[in-house]
Amino acid sequence: MKRKSLDSENCIFCEKGHGHEKLSSVQSFEQDSNIRTMATELQGAEILTRVSGGDMIATEAKYHLSCLNKLRNRYRSFLRKQKQQPENDDDRVNESRAFEELLAFIEESVISGVFRV
């Protein structure tokens, strides 16, 4: 991943200036950390190259609020998709095994007369 120098007069996300929207500055370490976390988990190589130059407060990184919101929305969508992915195979095997054992118990109970059909 090639590192780019950060132009402090352009948005760190879209690399455009303040022509179409006001630029805001990264003003907290928490915001810096959140942007890095989202970019890393989304595997956003382009964003990572722009924010990997060090502390975004010290480098006076700026962003458009709409660009930050787009990143947040992509990240929320990414998290939602991760939660919807099927459970790990071991969990499915264990659930299937438990269900089979429950069915076998019920069948045995019906045969032995505990339950009447």
PDB file of N, CA and C in Angstrom:
ATOM      1  N   MET A   1       0.849  -1.149   0.000  1.00  0.00           N
ATOM      2  CA  MET A   1       0.000   0.000   0.000  1.00  0.00           C
ATOM      3  C   MET A   1       0.907   1.228   0.000  1.00  0.00           C
ATOM      4  N   LYS A   2       0.787   2.042  -1.032  1.00  0.00           N
ATOM      5  CA  LYS A   2       1.623   3.225  -1.156  1.00  0.00           C
ATOM      6  C   LYS A   2       1.029   4.368  -0.344  1.00  0.00           C
ATOM      7  N   ARG A   3       1.858   5.020   0.407  1.00  0.00           N
ATOM      8  CA  ARG A   3       1.417   6.093   1.267  1.00  0.00           C
ATOM      9  C   ARG A   3       1.366   7.407   0.497  1.00  0.00           C
ATOM     10  N   LYS A   4       0.261   8.143   0.636  1.00  0.00           N
ATOM     11  CA  LYS A   4       0.117   9.433  -0.018  1.00  0.00           C
ATOM     12  C   LYS A   4       0.300  10.527   1.017  1.00  0.00           C
ATOM     13  N   SER A   5       0.794  11.657   0.578  1.00  0.00           N
ATOM     14  CA  SER A   5       0.852  12.781   1.499  1.00  0.00           C
ATOM     15  C   SER A   5      -0.542  13.387   1.588  1.00  0.00           C
ATOM     16  N   LEU A   6      -0.888  13.827   2.754  1.00  0.00           N
ATOM     17  CA  LEU A   6      -2.215  14.353   3.016  1.00  0.00           C
ATOM     18  C   LEU A   6      -2.251  15.833   2.701  1.00  0.00           C
ATOM     19  N   ASP A   7      -3.170  16.248   1.838  1.00  0.00           N
ATOM     20  CA  ASP A   7      -3.362  17.660   1.535  1.00  0.00           C
ATOM     21  C   ASP A   7      -4.366  18.197   2.547  1.00  0.00           C
ATOM     22  N   SER A   8      -3.903  19.055   3.440  1.00  0.00           N
ATOM     23  CA  SER A   8      -4.753  19.511   4.533  1.00  0.00           C
ATOM     24  C   SER A   8      -5.876  20.438   4.065  1.00  0.00           C
ATOM     25  N   GLU A   9      -5.912  20.783   2.796  1.00  0.00           N
ATOM     26  CA  GLU A   9      -6.989  21.631   2.275  1.00  0.00           C
ATOM     27  C   GLU A   9      -8.051  20.824   1.550  1.00  0.00           C
ATOM     28  N   ASN A  10      -7.905  19.502   1.525  1.00  0.00           N
ATOM     29  CA  ASN A  10      -8.870  18.631   0.856  1.00  0.00           C
ATOM     30  C   ASN A  10      -9.431  17.607   1.840  1.00  0.00           C
ATOM     31  N   CYS A  11     -10.581  17.085   1.496  1.00  0.00           N
ATOM     32  CA  CYS A  11     -11.247  16.055   2.298  1.00  0.00           C
ATOM     33  C   CYS A  11     -10.413  14.765   2.261  1.00  0.00           C
ATOM     34  N   ILE A  12     -10.244  14.129   3.416  1.00  0.00           N
ATOM     35  CA  ILE A  12      -9.462  12.887   3.471  1.00  0.00           C
ATOM     36  C   ILE A  12     -10.186  11.729   2.789  1.00  0.00           C
ATOM     37  N   PHE A  13     -11.476  11.873   2.546  1.00  0.00           N
ATOM     38  CA  PHE A  13     -12.242  10.795   1.932  1.00  0.00           C
ATOM     39  C   PHE A  13     -12.359  10.949   0.416  1.00  0.00           C
ATOM     40  N   CYS A  14     -12.805  12.119  -0.040  1.00  0.00           N
ATOM     41  CA  CYS A  14     -13.038  12.301  -1.481  1.00  0.00           C
ATOM     42  C   CYS A  14     -11.925  13.088  -2.164  1.00  0.00           C
ATOM     43  N   GLU A  15     -11.026  13.629  -1.394  1.00  0.00           N
ATOM     44  CA  GLU A  15      -9.874  14.411  -1.867  1.00  0.00           C
ATOM     45  C   GLU A  15     -10.281  15.672  -2.635  1.00  0.00           C
ATOM     46  N   LYS A  16     -11.479  16.184  -2.368  1.00  0.00           N
ATOM     47  CA  LYS A  16     -11.920  17.433  -2.982  1.00  0.00           C
ATOM     48  C   LYS A  16     -11.854  18.542  -1.940  1.00  0.00           C
ATOM     49  N   GLY A  17     -11.780  19.750  -2.411  1.00  0.00           N
ATOM     50  CA  GLY A  17     -11.687  20.906  -1.532  1.00  0.00           C
ATOM     51  C   GLY A  17     -13.030  21.308  -0.951  1.00  0.00           C
ATOM     52  N   HIS A  18     -13.078  22.511  -0.433  1.00  0.00           N
ATOM     53  CA  HIS A  18     -14.284  23.008   0.221  1.00  0.00           C
ATOM     54  C   HIS A  18     -15.243  23.700  -0.739  1.00  0.00           C
ATOM     55  N   GLY A  19     -15.072  23.508  -2.029  1.00  0.00           N
ATOM     56  CA  GLY A  19     -15.909  24.152  -3.034  1.00  0.00           C
ATOM     57  C   GLY A  19     -17.380  23.815  -2.920  1.00  0.00           C
ATOM     58  N   HIS A  20     -17.717  22.557  -2.748  1.00  0.00           N
ATOM     59  CA  HIS A  20     -19.129  22.165  -2.728  1.00  0.00           C
ATOM     60  C   HIS A  20     -19.689  21.985  -1.322  1.00  0.00           C
ATOM     61  N   GLU A  21     -18.829  21.911  -0.334  1.00  0.00           N
ATOM     62  CA  GLU A  21     -19.290  21.717   1.049  1.00  0.00           C
ATOM     63  C   GLU A  21     -18.178  22.151   2.002  1.00  0.00           C
ATOM     64  N   LYS A  22     -18.574  22.635   3.153  1.00  0.00           N
ATOM     65  CA  LYS A  22     -17.622  23.096   4.152  1.00  0.00           C
ATOM     66  C   LYS A  22     -16.785  21.916   4.674  1.00  0.00           C
ATOM     67  N   LEU A  23     -15.513  22.142   4.891  1.00  0.00           N
ATOM     68  CA  LEU A  23     -14.622  21.125   5.448  1.00  0.00           C
ATOM     69  C   LEU A  23     -14.566  21.273   6.966  1.00  0.00           C
ATOM     70  N   SER A  24     -14.636  20.157   7.660  1.00  0.00           N
ATOM     71  CA  SER A  24     -14.481  20.123   9.114  1.00  0.00           C
ATOM     72  C   SER A  24     -13.149  19.477   9.430  1.00  0.00           C
ATOM     73  N   SER A  25     -12.622  19.761  10.608  1.00  0.00           N
ATOM     74  CA  SER A  25     -11.326  19.200  11.012  1.00  0.00           C
ATOM     75  C   SER A  25     -11.519  18.033  11.967  1.00  0.00           C
ATOM     76  N   VAL A  26     -10.623  17.064  11.882  1.00  0.00           N
ATOM     77  CA  VAL A  26     -10.590  15.987  12.864  1.00  0.00           C
ATOM     78  C   VAL A  26     -10.102  16.626  14.159  1.00  0.00           C
ATOM     79  N   GLN A  27     -10.924  16.521  15.220  1.00  0.00           N
ATOM     80  CA  GLN A  27     -10.600  17.266  16.427  1.00  0.00           C
ATOM     81  C   GLN A  27     -10.423  16.423  17.677  1.00  0.00           C
ATOM     82  N   SER A  28     -10.549  15.112  17.570  1.00  0.00           N
ATOM     83  CA  SER A  28     -10.360  14.291  18.765  1.00  0.00           C
ATOM     84  C   SER A  28      -9.659  12.989  18.398  1.00  0.00           C
ATOM     85  N   PHE A  29      -8.972  12.433  19.387  1.00  0.00           N
ATOM     86  CA  PHE A  29      -8.303  11.147  19.172  1.00  0.00           C
ATOM     87  C   PHE A  29      -9.325  10.044  18.954  1.00  0.00           C
ATOM     88  N   GLU A  30     -10.497  10.185  19.581  1.00  0.00           N
ATOM     89  CA  GLU A  30     -11.551   9.187  19.405  1.00  0.00           C
ATOM     90  C   GLU A  30     -12.039   9.179  17.957  1.00  0.00           C
ATOM     91  N   GLN A  31     -12.218  10.363  17.378  1.00  0.00           N
ATOM     92  CA  GLN A  31     -12.643  10.455  15.985  1.00  0.00           C
ATOM     93  C   GLN A  31     -11.566   9.871  15.070  1.00  0.00           C
ATOM     94  N   ASP A  32     -10.311  10.184  15.345  1.00  0.00           N
ATOM     95  CA  ASP A  32      -9.181   9.627  14.602  1.00  0.00           C
ATOM     96  C   ASP A  32      -9.230   8.097  14.664  1.00  0.00           C
ATOM     97  N   SER A  33      -9.386   7.566  15.861  1.00  0.00           N
ATOM     98  CA  SER A  33      -9.427   6.119  16.066  1.00  0.00           C
ATOM     99  C   SER A  33     -10.624   5.485  15.352  1.00  0.00           C
ATOM    100  N   ASN A  34     -11.786   6.141  15.432  1.00  0.00           N
ATOM    101  CA  ASN A  34     -12.992   5.599  14.778  1.00  0.00           C
ATOM    102  C   ASN A  34     -12.824   5.534  13.267  1.00  0.00           C
ATOM    103  N   ILE A  35     -12.267   6.582  12.681  1.00  0.00           N
ATOM    104  CA  ILE A  35     -12.060   6.594  11.226  1.00  0.00           C
ATOM    105  C   ILE A  35     -11.095   5.491  10.825  1.00  0.00           C
ATOM    106  N   ARG A  36     -10.009   5.322  11.583  1.00  0.00           N
ATOM    107  CA  ARG A  36      -9.042   4.262  11.282  1.00  0.00           C
ATOM    108  C   ARG A  36      -9.675   2.876  11.411  1.00  0.00           C
ATOM    109  N   THR A  37     -10.479   2.688  12.460  1.00  0.00           N
ATOM    110  CA  THR A  37     -11.139   1.402  12.680  1.00  0.00           C
ATOM    111  C   THR A  37     -12.072   1.074  11.522  1.00  0.00           C
ATOM    112  N   MET A  38     -12.900   2.053  11.130  1.00  0.00           N
ATOM    113  CA  MET A  38     -13.840   1.817  10.028  1.00  0.00           C
ATOM    114  C   MET A  38     -13.091   1.511   8.738  1.00  0.00           C
ATOM    115  N   ALA A  39     -12.061   2.279   8.443  1.00  0.00           N
ATOM    116  CA  ALA A  39     -11.294   2.067   7.206  1.00  0.00           C
ATOM    117  C   ALA A  39     -10.612   0.702   7.215  1.00  0.00           C
ATOM    118  N   THR A  40     -10.078   0.305   8.365  1.00  0.00           N
ATOM    119  CA  THR A  40      -9.389  -0.981   8.476  1.00  0.00           C
ATOM    120  C   THR A  40     -10.364  -2.145   8.301  1.00  0.00           C
ATOM    121  N   GLU A  41     -11.494  -2.093   9.000  1.00  0.00           N
ATOM    122  CA  GLU A  41     -12.456  -3.194   8.917  1.00  0.00           C
ATOM    123  C   GLU A  41     -13.119  -3.274   7.546  1.00  0.00           C
ATOM    124  N   LEU A  42     -13.307  -2.123   6.910  1.00  0.00           N
ATOM    125  CA  LEU A  42     -13.873  -2.125   5.557  1.00  0.00           C
ATOM    126  C   LEU A  42     -12.826  -2.472   4.514  1.00  0.00           C
ATOM    127  N   GLN A  43     -11.580  -2.565   4.946  1.00  0.00           N
ATOM    128  CA  GLN A  43     -10.442  -2.807   4.075  1.00  0.00           C
ATOM    129  C   GLN A  43     -10.389  -1.767   2.967  1.00  0.00           C
ATOM    130  N   GLY A  44     -10.633  -0.517   3.371  1.00  0.00           N
ATOM    131  CA  GLY A  44     -10.597   0.609   2.440  1.00  0.00           C
ATOM    132  C   GLY A  44      -9.169   1.068   2.212  1.00  0.00           C
ATOM    133  N   ALA A  45      -8.499   0.455   1.248  1.00  0.00           N
ATOM    134  CA  ALA A  45      -7.087   0.734   1.001  1.00  0.00           C
ATOM    135  C   ALA A  45      -6.835   2.205   0.686  1.00  0.00           C
ATOM    136  N   GLU A  46      -7.718   2.822  -0.100  1.00  0.00           N
ATOM    137  CA  GLU A  46      -7.515   4.222  -0.456  1.00  0.00           C
ATOM    138  C   GLU A  46      -7.592   5.116   0.775  1.00  0.00           C
ATOM    139  N   ILE A  47      -8.581   4.890   1.608  1.00  0.00           N
ATOM    140  CA  ILE A  47      -8.716   5.703   2.819  1.00  0.00           C
ATOM    141  C   ILE A  47      -7.549   5.434   3.751  1.00  0.00           C
ATOM    142  N   LEU A  48      -7.190   4.160   3.888  1.00  0.00           N
ATOM    143  CA  LEU A  48      -6.074   3.815   4.778  1.00  0.00           C
ATOM    144  C   LEU A  48      -4.778   4.495   4.363  1.00  0.00           C
ATOM    145  N   THR A  49      -4.542   4.601   3.070  1.00  0.00           N
ATOM    146  CA  THR A  49      -3.306   5.257   2.632  1.00  0.00           C
ATOM    147  C   THR A  49      -3.317   6.732   2.991  1.00  0.00           C
ATOM    148  N   ARG A  50      -4.499   7.339   3.016  1.00  0.00           N
ATOM    149  CA  ARG A  50      -4.566   8.764   3.337  1.00  0.00           C
ATOM    150  C   ARG A  50      -4.512   9.031   4.831  1.00  0.00           C
ATOM    151  N   VAL A  51      -4.969   8.082   5.653  1.00  0.00           N
ATOM    152  CA  VAL A  51      -4.987   8.332   7.101  1.00  0.00           C
ATOM    153  C   VAL A  51      -3.822   7.666   7.832  1.00  0.00           C
ATOM    154  N   SER A  52      -2.981   6.933   7.112  1.00  0.00           N
ATOM    155  CA  SER A  52      -1.893   6.217   7.768  1.00  0.00           C
ATOM    156  C   SER A  52      -0.677   7.099   8.028  1.00  0.00           C
ATOM    157  N   GLY A  53      -0.756   8.352   7.667  1.00  0.00           N
ATOM    158  CA  GLY A  53       0.379   9.258   7.811  1.00  0.00           C
ATOM    159  C   GLY A  53       0.602   9.746   9.226  1.00  0.00           C
ATOM    160  N   GLY A  54      -0.100   9.220  10.180  1.00  0.00           N
ATOM    161  CA  GLY A  54       0.078   9.635  11.573  1.00  0.00           C
ATOM    162  C   GLY A  54      -1.189  10.241  12.140  1.00  0.00           C
ATOM    163  N   ASP A  55      -1.034  10.896  13.239  1.00  0.00           N
ATOM    164  CA  ASP A  55      -2.120  11.522  13.970  1.00  0.00           C
ATOM    165  C   ASP A  55      -2.860  12.512  13.066  1.00  0.00           C
ATOM    166  N   MET A  56      -4.155  12.284  12.863  1.00  0.00           N
ATOM    167  CA  MET A  56      -4.922  13.136  11.959  1.00  0.00           C
ATOM    168  C   MET A  56      -5.143  14.533  12.528  1.00  0.00           C
ATOM    169  N   ILE A  57      -5.069  14.681  13.830  1.00  0.00           N
ATOM    170  CA  ILE A  57      -5.183  16.008  14.425  1.00  0.00           C
ATOM    171  C   ILE A  57      -3.927  16.809  14.101  1.00  0.00           C
ATOM    172  N   ALA A  58      -2.781  16.183  14.276  1.00  0.00           N
ATOM    173  CA  ALA A  58      -1.510  16.860  14.016  1.00  0.00           C
ATOM    174  C   ALA A  58      -1.334  17.188  12.534  1.00  0.00           C
ATOM    175  N   THR A  59      -1.837  16.323  11.660  1.00  0.00           N
ATOM    176  CA  THR A  59      -1.705  16.580  10.223  1.00  0.00           C
ATOM    177  C   THR A  59      -2.813  17.488   9.698  1.00  0.00           C
ATOM    178  N   GLU A  60      -3.682  17.931  10.616  1.00  0.00           N
ATOM    179  CA  GLU A  60      -4.786  18.836  10.290  1.00  0.00           C
ATOM    180  C   GLU A  60      -5.698  18.263   9.209  1.00  0.00           C
ATOM    181  N   ALA A  61      -6.035  16.984   9.348  1.00  0.00           N
ATOM    182  CA  ALA A  61      -6.910  16.311   8.391  1.00  0.00           C
ATOM    183  C   ALA A  61      -8.299  16.936   8.419  1.00  0.00           C
ATOM    184  N   LYS A  62      -8.868  17.086   7.238  1.00  0.00           N
ATOM    185  CA  LYS A  62     -10.201  17.673   7.107  1.00  0.00           C
ATOM    186  C   LYS A  62     -11.105  16.720   6.337  1.00  0.00           C
ATOM    187  N   TYR A  63     -12.404  16.911   6.508  1.00  0.00           N
ATOM    188  CA  TYR A  63     -13.373  16.034   5.848  1.00  0.00           C
ATOM    189  C   TYR A  63     -14.676  16.786   5.617  1.00  0.00           C
ATOM    190  N   HIS A  64     -15.432  16.327   4.641  1.00  0.00           N
ATOM    191  CA  HIS A  64     -16.797  16.794   4.437  1.00  0.00           C
ATOM    192  C   HIS A  64     -17.690  15.942   5.341  1.00  0.00           C
ATOM    193  N   LEU A  65     -18.631  16.550   5.997  1.00  0.00           N
ATOM    194  CA  LEU A  65     -19.527  15.796   6.865  1.00  0.00           C
ATOM    195  C   LEU A  65     -20.260  14.713   6.076  1.00  0.00           C
ATOM    196  N   SER A  66     -20.654  15.014   4.843  1.00  0.00           N
ATOM    197  CA  SER A  66     -21.357  14.007   4.029  1.00  0.00           C
ATOM    198  C   SER A  66     -20.449  12.819   3.712  1.00  0.00           C
ATOM    199  N   CYS A  67     -19.147  13.076   3.531  1.00  0.00           N
ATOM    200  CA  CYS A  67     -18.209  11.979   3.256  1.00  0.00           C
ATOM    201  C   CYS A  67     -18.034  11.093   4.493  1.00  0.00           C
ATOM    202  N   LEU A  68     -17.946  11.724   5.659  1.00  0.00           N
ATOM    203  CA  LEU A  68     -17.841  10.954   6.908  1.00  0.00           C
ATOM    204  C   LEU A  68     -19.108  10.134   7.115  1.00  0.00           C
ATOM    205  N   ASN A  69     -20.269  10.720   6.829  1.00  0.00           N
ATOM    206  CA  ASN A  69     -21.527   9.981   6.969  1.00  0.00           C
ATOM    207  C   ASN A  69     -21.596   8.792   6.013  1.00  0.00           C
ATOM    208  N   LYS A  70     -21.086   8.954   4.795  1.00  0.00           N
ATOM    209  CA  LYS A  70     -21.052   7.833   3.848  1.00  0.00           C
ATOM    210  C   LYS A  70     -20.196   6.691   4.390  1.00  0.00           C
ATOM    211  N   LEU A  71     -19.030   7.050   4.970  1.00  0.00           N
ATOM    212  CA  LEU A  71     -18.163   6.026   5.552  1.00  0.00           C
ATOM    213  C   LEU A  71     -18.869   5.324   6.703  1.00  0.00           C
ATOM    214  N   ARG A  72     -19.516   6.090   7.574  1.00  0.00           N
ATOM    215  CA  ARG A  72     -20.250   5.492   8.706  1.00  0.00           C
ATOM    216  C   ARG A  72     -21.362   4.576   8.226  1.00  0.00           C
ATOM    217  N   ASN A  73     -22.097   5.007   7.202  1.00  0.00           N
ATOM    218  CA  ASN A  73     -23.183   4.181   6.667  1.00  0.00           C
ATOM    219  C   ASN A  73     -22.649   2.890   6.061  1.00  0.00           C
ATOM    220  N   ARG A  74     -21.546   2.977   5.318  1.00  0.00           N
ATOM    221  CA  ARG A  74     -20.926   1.766   4.758  1.00  0.00           C
ATOM    222  C   ARG A  74     -20.495   0.832   5.881  1.00  0.00           C
ATOM    223  N   TYR A  75     -19.949   1.399   6.948  1.00  0.00           N
ATOM    224  CA  TYR A  75     -19.481   0.600   8.081  1.00  0.00           C
ATOM    225  C   TYR A  75     -20.655  -0.076   8.793  1.00  0.00           C
ATOM    226  N   ARG A  76     -21.746   0.667   9.004  1.00  0.00           N
ATOM    227  CA  ARG A  76     -22.933   0.071   9.646  1.00  0.00           C
ATOM    228  C   ARG A  76     -23.490  -1.059   8.782  1.00  0.00           C
ATOM    229  N   SER A  77     -23.534  -0.856   7.479  1.00  0.00           N
ATOM    230  CA  SER A  77     -24.010  -1.890   6.563  1.00  0.00           C
ATOM    231  C   SER A  77     -23.107  -3.118   6.627  1.00  0.00           C
ATOM    232  N   PHE A  78     -21.800  -2.884   6.666  1.00  0.00           N
ATOM    233  CA  PHE A  78     -20.817  -3.962   6.783  1.00  0.00           C
ATOM    234  C   PHE A  78     -21.055  -4.765   8.068  1.00  0.00           C
ATOM    235  N   LEU A  79     -21.261  -4.076   9.190  1.00  0.00           N
ATOM    236  CA  LEU A  79     -21.504  -4.757  10.472  1.00  0.00           C
ATOM    237  C   LEU A  79     -22.803  -5.549  10.435  1.00  0.00           C
ATOM    238  N   ARG A  80     -23.830  -4.967   9.819  1.00  0.00           N
ATOM    239  CA  ARG A  80     -25.124  -5.651   9.730  1.00  0.00           C
ATOM    240  C   ARG A  80     -24.996  -6.935   8.913  1.00  0.00           C
ATOM    241  N   LYS A  81     -24.250  -6.877   7.810  1.00  0.00           N
ATOM    242  CA  LYS A  81     -24.043  -8.065   6.975  1.00  0.00           C
ATOM    243  C   LYS A  81     -23.262  -9.132   7.727  1.00  0.00           C
ATOM    244  N   GLN A  82     -22.286  -8.703   8.535  1.00  0.00           N
ATOM    245  CA  GLN A  82     -21.513  -9.673   9.316  1.00  0.00           C
ATOM    246  C   GLN A  82     -22.388 -10.402  10.310  1.00  0.00           C
ATOM    247  N   LYS A  83     -23.328  -9.699  10.932  1.00  0.00           N
ATOM    248  CA  LYS A  83     -24.225 -10.317  11.913  1.00  0.00           C
ATOM    249  C   LYS A  83     -25.173 -11.302  11.259  1.00  0.00           C
ATOM    250  N   GLN A  84     -25.511 -11.062   9.984  1.00  0.00           N
ATOM    251  CA  GLN A  84     -26.456 -11.926   9.281  1.00  0.00           C
ATOM    252  C   GLN A  84     -25.808 -13.161   8.692  1.00  0.00           C
ATOM    253  N   GLN A  85     -24.497 -13.233   8.679  1.00  0.00           N
ATOM    254  CA  GLN A  85     -23.822 -14.396   8.120  1.00  0.00           C
ATOM    255  C   GLN A  85     -24.145 -15.617   8.966  1.00  0.00           C
ATOM    256  N   PRO A  86     -24.205 -16.769   8.328  1.00  0.00           N
ATOM    257  CA  PRO A  86     -24.545 -17.987   9.073  1.00  0.00           C
ATOM    258  C   PRO A  86     -23.542 -18.265  10.188  1.00  0.00           C
ATOM    259  N   GLU A  87     -24.070 -18.930  11.202  1.00  0.00           N
ATOM    260  CA  GLU A  87     -23.224 -19.274  12.341  1.00  0.00           C
ATOM    261  C   GLU A  87     -22.103 -20.202  11.900  1.00  0.00           C
ATOM    262  N   ASN A  88     -21.143 -20.320  12.730  1.00  0.00           N
ATOM    263  CA  ASN A  88     -19.999 -21.169  12.421  1.00  0.00           C
ATOM    264  C   ASN A  88     -20.455 -22.630  12.322  1.00  0.00           C
ATOM    265  N   ASP A  89     -19.767 -23.437  11.548  1.00  0.00           N
ATOM    266  CA  ASP A  89     -20.161 -24.820  11.251  1.00  0.00           C
ATOM    267  C   ASP A  89     -20.297 -25.676  12.511  1.00  0.00           C
ATOM    268  N   ASP A  90     -19.425 -25.486  13.499  1.00  0.00           N
ATOM    269  CA  ASP A  90     -19.511 -26.272  14.730  1.00  0.00           C
ATOM    270  C   ASP A  90     -20.841 -26.044  15.441  1.00  0.00           C
ATOM    271  N   ASP A  91     -21.298 -24.796  15.473  1.00  0.00           N
ATOM    272  CA  ASP A  91     -22.576 -24.493  16.112  1.00  0.00           C
ATOM    273  C   ASP A  91     -23.732 -25.172  15.389  1.00  0.00           C
ATOM    274  N   ARG A  92     -23.689 -25.155  14.055  1.00  0.00           N
ATOM    275  CA  ARG A  92     -24.766 -25.807  13.292  1.00  0.00           C
ATOM    276  C   ARG A  92     -24.756 -27.310  13.507  1.00  0.00           C
ATOM    277  N   VAL A  93     -23.586 -27.920  13.556  1.00  0.00           N
ATOM    278  CA  VAL A  93     -23.480 -29.367  13.788  1.00  0.00           C
ATOM    279  C   VAL A  93     -24.025 -29.706  15.174  1.00  0.00           C
ATOM    280  N   ASN A  94     -23.650 -28.913  16.178  1.00  0.00           N
ATOM    281  CA  ASN A  94     -24.133 -29.158  17.547  1.00  0.00           C
ATOM    282  C   ASN A  94     -25.648 -28.994  17.646  1.00  0.00           C
ATOM    283  N   GLU A  95     -26.201 -27.991  16.972  1.00  0.00           N
ATOM    284  CA  GLU A  95     -27.654 -27.800  16.981  1.00  0.00           C
ATOM    285  C   GLU A  95     -28.352 -28.977  16.300  1.00  0.00           C
ATOM    286  N   SER A  96     -27.789 -29.445  15.192  1.00  0.00           N
ATOM    287  CA  SER A  96     -28.383 -30.587  14.484  1.00  0.00           C
ATOM    288  C   SER A  96     -28.348 -31.837  15.350  1.00  0.00           C
ATOM    289  N   ARG A  97     -27.215 -32.048  16.004  1.00  0.00           N
ATOM    290  CA  ARG A  97     -27.073 -33.208  16.880  1.00  0.00           C
ATOM    291  C   ARG A  97     -28.078 -33.149  18.029  1.00  0.00           C
ATOM    292  N   ALA A  98     -28.240 -31.991  18.642  1.00  0.00           N
ATOM    293  CA  ALA A  98     -29.187 -31.837  19.752  1.00  0.00           C
ATOM    294  C   ALA A  98     -30.616 -32.090  19.271  1.00  0.00           C
ATOM    295  N   PHE A  99     -30.951 -31.600  18.069  1.00  0.00           N
ATOM    296  CA  PHE A  99     -32.285 -31.814  17.525  1.00  0.00           C
ATOM    297  C   PHE A  99     -32.537 -33.297  17.258  1.00  0.00           C
ATOM    298  N   GLU A 100     -31.544 -33.992  16.703  1.00  0.00           N
ATOM    299  CA  GLU A 100     -31.678 -35.431  16.450  1.00  0.00           C
ATOM    300  C   GLU A 100     -31.882 -36.202  17.756  1.00  0.00           C
ATOM    301  N   GLU A 101     -31.132 -35.819  18.799  1.00  0.00           N
ATOM    302  CA  GLU A 101     -31.269 -36.499  20.086  1.00  0.00           C
ATOM    303  C   GLU A 101     -32.644 -36.248  20.697  1.00  0.00           C
ATOM    304  N   LEU A 102     -33.167 -35.036  20.531  1.00  0.00           N
ATOM    305  CA  LEU A 102     -34.501 -34.719  21.034  1.00  0.00           C
ATOM    306  C   LEU A 102     -35.554 -35.558  20.314  1.00  0.00           C
ATOM    307  N   LEU A 103     -35.435 -35.658  18.980  1.00  0.00           N
ATOM    308  CA  LEU A 103     -36.383 -36.484  18.224  1.00  0.00           C
ATOM    309  C   LEU A 103     -36.304 -37.946  18.645  1.00  0.00           C
ATOM    310  N   ALA A 104     -35.088 -38.459  18.842  1.00  0.00           N
ATOM    311  CA  ALA A 104     -34.919 -39.856  19.269  1.00  0.00           C
ATOM    312  C   ALA A 104     -35.555 -40.070  20.637  1.00  0.00           C
ATOM    313  N   PHE A 105     -35.403 -39.122  21.559  1.00  0.00           N
ATOM    314  CA  PHE A 105     -35.992 -39.231  22.897  1.00  0.00           C
ATOM    315  C   PHE A 105     -37.510 -39.261  22.805  1.00  0.00           C
ATOM    316  N   ILE A 106     -38.074 -38.396  21.979  1.00  0.00           N
ATOM    317  CA  ILE A 106     -39.534 -38.351  21.840  1.00  0.00           C
ATOM    318  C   ILE A 106     -40.045 -39.655  21.245  1.00  0.00           C
ATOM    319  N   GLU A 107     -39.374 -40.169  20.213  1.00  0.00           N
ATOM    320  CA  GLU A 107     -39.785 -41.425  19.600  1.00  0.00           C
ATOM    321  C   GLU A 107     -39.730 -42.569  20.606  1.00  0.00           C
ATOM    322  N   GLU A 108     -38.638 -42.651  21.385  1.00  0.00           N
ATOM    323  CA  GLU A 108     -38.510 -43.696  22.385  1.00  0.00           C
ATOM    324  C   GLU A 108     -39.603 -43.582  23.451  1.00  0.00           C
ATOM    325  N   SER A 109     -39.919 -42.339  23.824  1.00  0.00           N
ATOM    326  CA  SER A 109     -40.956 -42.119  24.841  1.00  0.00           C
ATOM    327  C   SER A 109     -42.326 -42.525  24.321  1.00  0.00           C
ATOM    328  N   VAL A 110     -42.607 -42.285  23.052  1.00  0.00           N
ATOM    329  CA  VAL A 110     -43.881 -42.683  22.465  1.00  0.00           C
ATOM    330  C   VAL A 110     -43.952 -44.210  22.407  1.00  0.00           C
ATOM    331  N   ILE A 111     -42.861 -44.856  21.992  1.00  0.00           N
ATOM    332  CA  ILE A 111     -42.823 -46.315  21.871  1.00  0.00           C
ATOM    333  C   ILE A 111     -42.994 -46.970  23.253  1.00  0.00           C
ATOM    334  N   SER A 112     -42.343 -46.416  24.263  1.00  0.00           N
ATOM    335  CA  SER A 112     -42.405 -47.032  25.603  1.00  0.00           C
ATOM    336  C   SER A 112     -43.705 -46.686  26.333  1.00  0.00           C
ATOM    337  N   GLY A 113     -44.539 -45.826  25.756  1.00  0.00           N
ATOM    338  CA  GLY A 113     -45.831 -45.556  26.365  1.00  0.00           C
ATOM    339  C   GLY A 113     -45.853 -44.325  27.265  1.00  0.00           C
ATOM    340  N   VAL A 114     -44.788 -43.627  27.392  1.00  0.00           N
ATOM    341  CA  VAL A 114     -44.776 -42.442  28.229  1.00  0.00           C
ATOM    342  C   VAL A 114     -45.710 -41.389  27.605  1.00  0.00           C
ATOM    343  N   PHE A 115     -45.609 -41.237  26.292  1.00  0.00           N
ATOM    344  CA  PHE A 115     -46.514 -40.340  25.583  1.00  0.00           C
ATOM    345  C   PHE A 115     -47.486 -41.189  24.782  1.00  0.00           C
ATOM    346  N   ARG A 116     -48.698 -40.761  24.712  1.00  0.00           N
ATOM    347  CA  ARG A 116     -49.670 -41.485  23.895  1.00  0.00           C
ATOM    348  C   ARG A 116     -50.017 -40.629  22.691  1.00  0.00           C
ATOM    349  N   VAL A 117     -50.082 -41.286  21.563  1.00  0.00           N
ATOM    350  CA  VAL A 117     -50.366 -40.578  20.323  1.00  0.00           C
ATOM    351  C   VAL A 117     -51.821 -40.657  20.016  1.00  0.00           C
TER     352      VAL A 117
END
